Amino acid sequence: FVDAVVAGTVARAAWQMAPGDDWTESLSALATKVAADGGG
């Protein structure tokens, strides 16, 4: 899923966080990668 998003392919997911997972850390990493590659 991450590879598809970074590559610019349309991917849609219903994400259920695992117990104890910090959703902000996972999202910030993916968002930063997309933005650094020129995406909004």
All heavy atoms as atom14 arrays in JSON, in Angstrom:
{
  "sequence": "FVDAVVAGTVARAAWQMAPGDDWTESLSALATKVAADGGG",
  "atom14_mask": [
    [1, 1, 1, 1, 1, 1, 1, 1, 1, 1, 1, 0, 0, 0],
    [1, 1, 1, 1, 1, 1, 1, 0, 0, 0, 0, 0, 0, 0],
    [1, 1, 1, 1, 1, 1, 1, 1, 0, 0, 0, 0, 0, 0],
    [1, 1, 1, 1, 1, 0, 0, 0, 0, 0, 0, 0, 0, 0],
    [1, 1, 1, 1, 1, 1, 1, 0, 0, 0, 0, 0, 0, 0],
    [1, 1, 1, 1, 1, 1, 1, 0, 0, 0, 0, 0, 0, 0],
    [1, 1, 1, 1, 1, 0, 0, 0, 0, 0, 0, 0, 0, 0],
    [1, 1, 1, 1, 0, 0, 0, 0, 0, 0, 0, 0, 0, 0],
    [1, 1, 1, 1, 1, 1, 1, 0, 0, 0, 0, 0, 0, 0],
    [1, 1, 1, 1, 1, 1, 1, 0, 0, 0, 0, 0, 0, 0],
    [1, 1, 1, 1, 1, 0, 0, 0, 0, 0, 0, 0, 0, 0],
    [1, 1, 1, 1, 1, 1, 1, 1, 1, 1, 1, 0, 0, 0],
    [1, 1, 1, 1, 1, 0, 0, 0, 0, 0, 0, 0, 0, 0],
    [1, 1, 1, 1, 1, 0, 0, 0, 0, 0, 0, 0, 0, 0],
    [1, 1, 1, 1, 1, 1, 1, 1, 1, 1, 1, 1, 1, 1],
    [1, 1, 1, 1, 1, 1, 1, 1, 1, 0, 0, 0, 0, 0],
    [1, 1, 1, 1, 1, 1, 1, 1, 0, 0, 0, 0, 0, 0],
    [1, 1, 1, 1, 1, 0, 0, 0, 0, 0, 0, 0, 0, 0],
    [1, 1, 1, 1, 1, 1, 1, 0, 0, 0, 0, 0, 0, 0],
    [1, 1, 1, 1, 0, 0, 0, 0, 0, 0, 0, 0, 0, 0],
    [1, 1, 1, 1, 1, 1, 1, 1, 0, 0, 0, 0, 0, 0],
    [1, 1, 1, 1, 1, 1, 1, 1, 0, 0, 0, 0, 0, 0],
    [1, 1, 1, 1, 1, 1, 1, 1, 1, 1, 1, 1, 1, 1],
    [1, 1, 1, 1, 1, 1, 1, 0, 0, 0, 0, 0, 0, 0],
    [1, 1, 1, 1, 1, 1, 1, 1, 1, 0, 0, 0, 0, 0],
    [1, 1, 1, 1, 1, 1, 0, 0, 0, 0, 0, 0, 0, 0],
    [1, 1, 1, 1, 1, 1, 1, 1, 0, 0, 0, 0, 0, 0],
    [1, 1, 1, 1, 1, 1, 0, 0, 0, 0, 0, 0, 0, 0],
    [1, 1, 1, 1, 1, 0, 0, 0, 0, 0, 0, 0, 0, 0],
    [1, 1, 1, 1, 1, 1, 1, 1, 0, 0, 0, 0, 0, 0],
    [1, 1, 1, 1, 1, 0, 0, 0, 0, 0, 0, 0, 0, 0],
    [1, 1, 1, 1, 1, 1, 1, 0, 0, 0, 0, 0, 0, 0],
    [1, 1, 1, 1, 1, 1, 1, 1, 1, 0, 0, 0, 0, 0],
    [1, 1, 1, 1, 1, 1, 1, 0, 0, 0, 0, 0, 0, 0],
    [1, 1, 1, 1, 1, 0, 0, 0, 0, 0, 0, 0, 0, 0],
    [1, 1, 1, 1, 1, 0, 0, 0, 0, 0, 0, 0, 0, 0],
    [1, 1, 1, 1, 1, 1, 1, 1, 0, 0, 0, 0, 0, 0],
    [1, 1, 1, 1, 0, 0, 0, 0, 0, 0, 0, 0, 0, 0],
    [1, 1, 1, 1, 0, 0, 0, 0, 0, 0, 0, 0, 0, 0],
    [1, 1, 1, 1, 0, 0, 0, 0, 0, 0, 0, 0, 0, 0]
  ],
  "atom14_positions": [
    [[0.83, -1.2, 0.0], [0.0, 0.0, 0.0], [0.87, 1.25, 0.0], [0.63, 2.19, -0.78], [-0.92, 0.0, 1.21], [-1.71, 1.28, 1.39], [-2.79, 1.56, 0.59], [-1.33, 2.22, 2.35], [-3.51, 2.74, 0.73], [-2.03, 3.4, 2.5], [-3.13, 3.66, 1.69], [0.0, 0.0, 0.0], [0.0, 0.0, 0.0], [0.0, 0.0, 0.0]],
    [[1.88, 1.28, 0.85], [2.79, 2.43, 0.91], [3.49, 2.63, -0.43], [3.61, 3.76, -0.92], [3.8, 2.24, 2.06], [4.92, 3.28, 1.96], [3.11, 2.35, 3.4], [0.0, 0.0, 0.0], [0.0, 0.0, 0.0], [0.0, 0.0, 0.0], [0.0, 0.0, 0.0], [0.0, 0.0, 0.0], [0.0, 0.0, 0.0], [0.0, 0.0, 0.0]],
    [[3.95, 1.54, -1.03], [4.63, 1.64, -2.32], [3.71, 2.25, -3.38], [4.14, 3.07, -4.2], [5.1, 0.26, -2.78], [6.23, -0.29, -1.92], [6.87, 0.51, -1.22], [6.45, -1.52, -1.94], [0.0, 0.0, 0.0], [0.0, 0.0, 0.0], [0.0, 0.0, 0.0], [0.0, 0.0, 0.0], [0.0, 0.0, 0.0], [0.0, 0.0, 0.0]],
    [[2.44, 1.85, -3.36], [1.49, 2.38, -4.34], [1.25, 3.87, -4.13], [1.22, 4.65, -5.09], [0.17, 1.61, -4.24], [0.0, 0.0, 0.0], [0.0, 0.0, 0.0], [0.0, 0.0, 0.0], [0.0, 0.0, 0.0], [0.0, 0.0, 0.0], [0.0, 0.0, 0.0], [0.0, 0.0, 0.0], [0.0, 0.0, 0.0], [0.0, 0.0, 0.0]],
    [[1.09, 4.29, -2.88], [0.85, 5.71, -2.59], [2.05, 6.54, -3.01], [1.91, 7.6, -3.66], [0.55, 5.9, -1.09], [0.48, 7.38, -0.75], [-0.75, 5.22, -0.71], [0.0, 0.0, 0.0], [0.0, 0.0, 0.0], [0.0, 0.0, 0.0], [0.0, 0.0, 0.0], [0.0, 0.0, 0.0], [0.0, 0.0, 0.0], [0.0, 0.0, 0.0]],
    [[3.25, 6.09, -2.66], [4.46, 6.84, -2.99], [4.66, 6.92, -4.5], [5.11, 7.95, -5.03], [5.69, 6.2, -2.31], [6.98, 6.85, -2.79], [5.57, 6.32, -0.79], [0.0, 0.0, 0.0], [0.0, 0.0, 0.0], [0.0, 0.0, 0.0], [0.0, 0.0, 0.0], [0.0, 0.0, 0.0], [0.0, 0.0, 0.0], [0.0, 0.0, 0.0]],
    [[4.28, 5.86, -5.21], [4.45, 5.83, -6.66], [3.4, 6.67, -7.39], [3.49, 6.85, -8.6], [4.41, 4.39, -7.15], [0.0, 0.0, 0.0], [0.0, 0.0, 0.0], [0.0, 0.0, 0.0], [0.0, 0.0, 0.0], [0.0, 0.0, 0.0], [0.0, 0.0, 0.0], [0.0, 0.0, 0.0], [0.0, 0.0, 0.0], [0.0, 0.0, 0.0]],
    [[2.39, 7.16, -6.66], [1.35, 7.96, -7.29], [0.18, 7.16, -7.81], [-0.73, 7.71, -8.45], [0.0, 0.0, 0.0], [0.0, 0.0, 0.0], [0.0, 0.0, 0.0], [0.0, 0.0, 0.0], [0.0, 0.0, 0.0], [0.0, 0.0, 0.0], [0.0, 0.0, 0.0], [0.0, 0.0, 0.0], [0.0, 0.0, 0.0], [0.0, 0.0, 0.0]],
    [[0.17, 5.85, -7.54], [-0.96, 5.01, -7.93], [-2.11, 5.24, -6.95], [-1.89, 5.4, -5.75], [-0.56, 3.52, -7.9], [0.59, 3.34, -8.73], [-1.7, 2.64, -8.39], [0.0, 0.0, 0.0], [0.0, 0.0, 0.0], [0.0, 0.0, 0.0], [0.0, 0.0, 0.0], [0.0, 0.0, 0.0], [0.0, 0.0, 0.0], [0.0, 0.0, 0.0]],
    [[-3.34, 5.26, -7.45], [-4.49, 5.46, -6.57], [-4.72, 4.2, -5.74], [-4.98, 3.13, -6.28], [-5.76, 5.8, -7.39], [-6.95, 5.95, -6.46], [-5.54, 7.08, -8.19], [0.0, 0.0, 0.0], [0.0, 0.0, 0.0], [0.0, 0.0, 0.0], [0.0, 0.0, 0.0], [0.0, 0.0, 0.0], [0.0, 0.0, 0.0], [0.0, 0.0, 0.0]],
    [[-4.6, 4.34, -4.44], [-4.83, 3.23, -3.51], [-5.69, 3.75, -2.37], [-5.43, 4.83, -1.83], [-3.51, 2.68, -2.98], [0.0, 0.0, 0.0], [0.0, 0.0, 0.0], [0.0, 0.0, 0.0], [0.0, 0.0, 0.0], [0.0, 0.0, 0.0], [0.0, 0.0, 0.0], [0.0, 0.0, 0.0], [0.0, 0.0, 0.0], [0.0, 0.0, 0.0]],
    [[-6.7, 2.98, -2.0], [-7.61, 3.42, -0.93], [-7.7, 2.32, 0.12], [-7.91, 1.15, -0.22], [-9.0, 3.73, -1.5], [-8.99, 4.74, -2.63], [-10.4, 5.03, -3.12], [-10.42, 5.99, -4.22], [-10.62, 5.65, -5.49], [-10.85, 4.37, -5.81], [-10.63, 6.56, -6.44], [0.0, 0.0, 0.0], [0.0, 0.0, 0.0], [0.0, 0.0, 0.0]],
    [[-7.58, 2.7, 1.4], [-7.53, 1.7, 2.45], [-8.32, 2.13, 3.68], [-8.32, 3.3, 4.07], [-6.08, 1.42, 2.86], [0.0, 0.0, 0.0], [0.0, 0.0, 0.0], [0.0, 0.0, 0.0], [0.0, 0.0, 0.0], [0.0, 0.0, 0.0], [0.0, 0.0, 0.0], [0.0, 0.0, 0.0], [0.0, 0.0, 0.0], [0.0, 0.0, 0.0]],
    [[-9.0, 1.14, 4.28], [-9.64, 1.31, 5.59], [-8.65, 0.79, 6.62], [-8.42, -0.42, 6.72], [-10.95, 0.53, 5.65], [0.0, 0.0, 0.0], [0.0, 0.0, 0.0], [0.0, 0.0, 0.0], [0.0, 0.0, 0.0], [0.0, 0.0, 0.0], [0.0, 0.0, 0.0], [0.0, 0.0, 0.0], [0.0, 0.0, 0.0], [0.0, 0.0, 0.0]],
    [[-8.05, 1.7, 7.36], [-6.93, 1.37, 8.25], [-7.41, 1.26, 9.69], [-7.9, 2.23, 10.25], [-5.86, 2.45, 8.1], [-4.68, 2.31, 9.0], [-4.06, 1.16, 9.39], [-3.95, 3.38, 9.63], [-2.99, 1.43, 10.2], [-2.9, 2.79, 10.37], [-4.08, 4.76, 9.64], [-1.99, 3.54, 11.12], [-3.18, 5.52, 10.36], [-2.15, 4.91, 11.1]],
    [[-7.26, 0.07, 10.26], [-7.57, -0.14, 11.67], [-6.26, -0.32, 12.42], [-5.55, -1.31, 12.22], [-8.47, -1.37, 11.86], [-9.94, -1.02, 11.98], [-10.44, -0.12, 10.86], [-10.47, -0.51, 9.7], [-10.83, 1.09, 11.2], [0.0, 0.0, 0.0], [0.0, 0.0, 0.0], [0.0, 0.0, 0.0], [0.0, 0.0, 0.0], [0.0, 0.0, 0.0]],
    [[-5.93, 0.66, 13.27], [-4.65, 0.63, 13.96], [-4.57, -0.53, 14.93], [-5.55, -0.86, 15.6], [-4.42, 1.93, 14.72], [-4.15, 3.11, 13.82], [-5.63, 4.05, 13.48], [-5.86, 4.84, 15.05], [0.0, 0.0, 0.0], [0.0, 0.0, 0.0], [0.0, 0.0, 0.0], [0.0, 0.0, 0.0], [0.0, 0.0, 0.0], [0.0, 0.0, 0.0]],
    [[-3.4, -1.13, 14.99], [-3.15, -2.2, 15.95], [-3.07, -1.6, 17.35], [-2.74, -0.42, 17.52], [-1.86, -2.93, 15.61], [0.0, 0.0, 0.0], [0.0, 0.0, 0.0], [0.0, 0.0, 0.0], [0.0, 0.0, 0.0], [0.0, 0.0, 0.0], [0.0, 0.0, 0.0], [0.0, 0.0, 0.0], [0.0, 0.0, 0.0], [0.0, 0.0, 0.0]],
    [[-3.38, -2.39, 18.39], [-3.33, -1.87, 19.76], [-1.95, -1.29, 20.08], [-0.92, -1.88, 19.73], [-3.61, -3.12, 20.61], [-4.32, -4.05, 19.7], [-3.8, -3.79, 18.34], [0.0, 0.0, 0.0], [0.0, 0.0, 0.0], [0.0, 0.0, 0.0], [0.0, 0.0, 0.0], [0.0, 0.0, 0.0], [0.0, 0.0, 0.0], [0.0, 0.0, 0.0]],
    [[-1.94, -0.15, 20.72], [-0.69, 0.48, 21.12], [0.02, 1.22, 20.01], [1.04, 1.87, 20.26], [0.0, 0.0, 0.0], [0.0, 0.0, 0.0], [0.0, 0.0, 0.0], [0.0, 0.0, 0.0], [0.0, 0.0, 0.0], [0.0, 0.0, 0.0], [0.0, 0.0, 0.0], [0.0, 0.0, 0.0], [0.0, 0.0, 0.0], [0.0, 0.0, 0.0]],
    [[-0.48, 1.16, 18.78], [0.17, 1.83, 17.66], [-0.11, 3.33, 17.72], [-1.25, 3.74, 17.93], [-0.34, 1.25, 16.34], [0.63, 1.49, 15.19], [1.63, 2.18, 15.41], [0.37, 1.0, 14.08], [0.0, 0.0, 0.0], [0.0, 0.0, 0.0], [0.0, 0.0, 0.0], [0.0, 0.0, 0.0], [0.0, 0.0, 0.0], [0.0, 0.0, 0.0]],
    [[0.92, 4.13, 17.53], [0.76, 5.59, 17.49], [0.45, 5.99, 16.04], [1.34, 6.0, 15.18], [2.03, 6.28, 17.97], [1.86, 7.79, 18.14], [0.91, 8.35, 17.54], [2.65, 8.4, 18.87], [0.0, 0.0, 0.0], [0.0, 0.0, 0.0], [0.0, 0.0, 0.0], [0.0, 0.0, 0.0], [0.0, 0.0, 0.0], [0.0, 0.0, 0.0]],
    [[-0.81, 6.3, 15.78], [-1.22, 6.6, 14.41], [-0.52, 7.83, 13.85], [-0.28, 7.92, 12.64], [-2.73, 6.78, 14.33], [-3.3, 7.87, 15.19], [-3.67, 7.78, 16.49], [-3.54, 9.22, 14.81], [-4.14, 8.98, 16.95], [-4.08, 9.89, 15.94], [-3.39, 9.93, 13.62], [-4.44, 11.24, 15.9], [-3.75, 11.28, 13.59], [-4.27, 11.91, 14.72]],
    [[-0.14, 8.76, 14.72], [0.51, 9.98, 14.23], [1.9, 9.67, 13.68], [2.33, 10.3, 12.7], [0.61, 11.03, 15.34], [1.43, 10.52, 16.41], [-0.76, 11.38, 15.89], [0.0, 0.0, 0.0], [0.0, 0.0, 0.0], [0.0, 0.0, 0.0], [0.0, 0.0, 0.0], [0.0, 0.0, 0.0], [0.0, 0.0, 0.0], [0.0, 0.0, 0.0]],
    [[2.61, 8.72, 14.28], [3.95, 8.39, 13.8], [3.9, 7.74, 12.43], [4.67, 8.09, 11.53], [4.64, 7.44, 14.8], [4.87, 8.03, 16.19], [5.87, 9.18, 16.18], [6.69, 9.26, 15.25], [5.81, 10.02, 17.1], [0.0, 0.0, 0.0], [0.0, 0.0, 0.0], [0.0, 0.0, 0.0], [0.0, 0.0, 0.0], [0.0, 0.0, 0.0]],
    [[2.97, 6.79, 12.25], [2.85, 6.11, 10.96], [2.42, 7.09, 9.87], [2.97, 7.09, 8.75], [1.86, 4.96, 11.06], [2.28, 4.0, 12.0], [0.0, 0.0, 0.0], [0.0, 0.0, 0.0], [0.0, 0.0, 0.0], [0.0, 0.0, 0.0], [0.0, 0.0, 0.0], [0.0, 0.0, 0.0], [0.0, 0.0, 0.0], [0.0, 0.0, 0.0]],
    [[1.43, 7.92, 10.17], [0.94, 8.87, 9.18], [1.98, 9.94, 8.83], [2.12, 10.32, 7.67], [-0.33, 9.55, 9.68], [-1.67, 8.9, 9.37], [-2.8, 9.8, 9.78], [-1.78, 8.55, 7.89], [0.0, 0.0, 0.0], [0.0, 0.0, 0.0], [0.0, 0.0, 0.0], [0.0, 0.0, 0.0], [0.0, 0.0, 0.0], [0.0, 0.0, 0.0]],
    [[2.7, 10.42, 9.83], [3.69, 11.47, 9.58], [4.8, 10.95, 8.66], [5.28, 11.68, 7.79], [4.28, 11.98, 10.89], [4.97, 10.95, 11.58], [0.0, 0.0, 0.0], [0.0, 0.0, 0.0], [0.0, 0.0, 0.0], [0.0, 0.0, 0.0], [0.0, 0.0, 0.0], [0.0, 0.0, 0.0], [0.0, 0.0, 0.0], [0.0, 0.0, 0.0]],
    [[5.19, 9.69, 8.82], [6.23, 9.12, 7.96], [5.75, 9.03, 6.51], [6.46, 9.43, 5.58], [6.63, 7.74, 8.48], [0.0, 0.0, 0.0], [0.0, 0.0, 0.0], [0.0, 0.0, 0.0], [0.0, 0.0, 0.0], [0.0, 0.0, 0.0], [0.0, 0.0, 0.0], [0.0, 0.0, 0.0], [0.0, 0.0, 0.0], [0.0, 0.0, 0.0]],
    [[4.53, 8.5, 6.31], [4.01, 8.36, 4.95], [3.75, 9.73, 4.32], [4.07, 9.96, 3.14], [2.72, 7.54, 4.98], [2.04, 7.3, 3.62], [2.99, 6.63, 2.65], [0.77, 6.47, 3.81], [0.0, 0.0, 0.0], [0.0, 0.0, 0.0], [0.0, 0.0, 0.0], [0.0, 0.0, 0.0], [0.0, 0.0, 0.0], [0.0, 0.0, 0.0]],
    [[3.18, 10.66, 5.08], [2.89, 12.0, 4.56], [4.18, 12.71, 4.15], [4.23, 13.38, 3.11], [2.14, 12.81, 5.61], [0.0, 0.0, 0.0], [0.0, 0.0, 0.0], [0.0, 0.0, 0.0], [0.0, 0.0, 0.0], [0.0, 0.0, 0.0], [0.0, 0.0, 0.0], [0.0, 0.0, 0.0], [0.0, 0.0, 0.0], [0.0, 0.0, 0.0]],
    [[5.21, 12.58, 4.97], [6.48, 13.23, 4.65], [7.09, 12.66, 3.38], [7.61, 13.4, 2.54], [7.46, 13.05, 5.83], [6.91, 13.66, 7.0], [8.8, 13.69, 5.52], [0.0, 0.0, 0.0], [0.0, 0.0, 0.0], [0.0, 0.0, 0.0], [0.0, 0.0, 0.0], [0.0, 0.0, 0.0], [0.0, 0.0, 0.0], [0.0, 0.0, 0.0]],
    [[7.02, 11.35, 3.22], [7.56, 10.72, 2.02], [6.84, 11.22, 0.77], [7.48, 11.54, -0.25], [7.43, 9.2, 2.14], [7.97, 8.43, 0.95], [9.47, 8.62, 0.77], [10.01, 7.77, -0.36], [11.45, 8.06, -0.63], [0.0, 0.0, 0.0], [0.0, 0.0, 0.0], [0.0, 0.0, 0.0], [0.0, 0.0, 0.0], [0.0, 0.0, 0.0]],
    [[5.51, 11.3, 0.83], [4.73, 11.77, -0.33], [5.06, 13.23, -0.64], [5.26, 13.61, -1.79], [3.23, 11.59, -0.06], [2.4, 12.24, -1.16], [2.87, 10.12, 0.05], [0.0, 0.0, 0.0], [0.0, 0.0, 0.0], [0.0, 0.0, 0.0], [0.0, 0.0, 0.0], [0.0, 0.0, 0.0], [0.0, 0.0, 0.0], [0.0, 0.0, 0.0]],
    [[5.12, 14.07, 0.41], [5.4, 15.49, 0.2], [6.81, 15.71, -0.32], [7.03, 16.56, -1.2], [5.2, 16.25, 1.5], [0.0, 0.0, 0.0], [0.0, 0.0, 0.0], [0.0, 0.0, 0.0], [0.0, 0.0, 0.0], [0.0, 0.0, 0.0], [0.0, 0.0, 0.0], [0.0, 0.0, 0.0], [0.0, 0.0, 0.0], [0.0, 0.0, 0.0]],
    [[7.77, 14.94, 0.18], [9.16, 15.08, -0.27], [9.31, 14.71, -1.73], [10.2, 15.21, -2.43], [10.08, 14.23, 0.6], [0.0, 0.0, 0.0], [0.0, 0.0, 0.0], [0.0, 0.0, 0.0], [0.0, 0.0, 0.0], [0.0, 0.0, 0.0], [0.0, 0.0, 0.0], [0.0, 0.0, 0.0], [0.0, 0.0, 0.0], [0.0, 0.0, 0.0]],
    [[8.43, 13.84, -2.22], [8.46, 13.43, -3.63], [7.65, 14.35, -4.53], [7.45, 14.06, -5.7], [7.95, 12.0, -3.77], [8.93, 10.97, -3.2], [10.09, 11.36, -2.94], [8.54, 9.8, -3.02], [0.0, 0.0, 0.0], [0.0, 0.0, 0.0], [0.0, 0.0, 0.0], [0.0, 0.0, 0.0], [0.0, 0.0, 0.0], [0.0, 0.0, 0.0]],
    [[7.12, 15.44, -3.96], [6.41, 16.42, -4.76], [4.9, 16.34, -4.73], [4.22, 17.13, -5.39], [0.0, 0.0, 0.0], [0.0, 0.0, 0.0], [0.0, 0.0, 0.0], [0.0, 0.0, 0.0], [0.0, 0.0, 0.0], [0.0, 0.0, 0.0], [0.0, 0.0, 0.0], [0.0, 0.0, 0.0], [0.0, 0.0, 0.0], [0.0, 0.0, 0.0]],
    [[4.35, 15.41, -3.96], [2.9, 15.27, -3.89], [2.29, 16.06, -2.76], [2.96, 16.42, -1.79], [0.0, 0.0, 0.0], [0.0, 0.0, 0.0], [0.0, 0.0, 0.0], [0.0, 0.0, 0.0], [0.0, 0.0, 0.0], [0.0, 0.0, 0.0], [0.0, 0.0, 0.0], [0.0, 0.0, 0.0], [0.0, 0.0, 0.0], [0.0, 0.0, 0.0]],
    [[0.99, 16.36, -2.89], [0.27, 17.06, -1.84], [-0.38, 16.07, -0.89], [-0.81, 14.98, -1.3], [0.0, 0.0, 0.0], [0.0, 0.0, 0.0], [0.0, 0.0, 0.0], [0.0, 0.0, 0.0], [0.0, 0.0, 0.0], [0.0, 0.0, 0.0], [0.0, 0.0, 0.0], [0.0, 0.0, 0.0], [0.0, 0.0, 0.0], [0.0, 0.0, 0.0]]
  ]
}
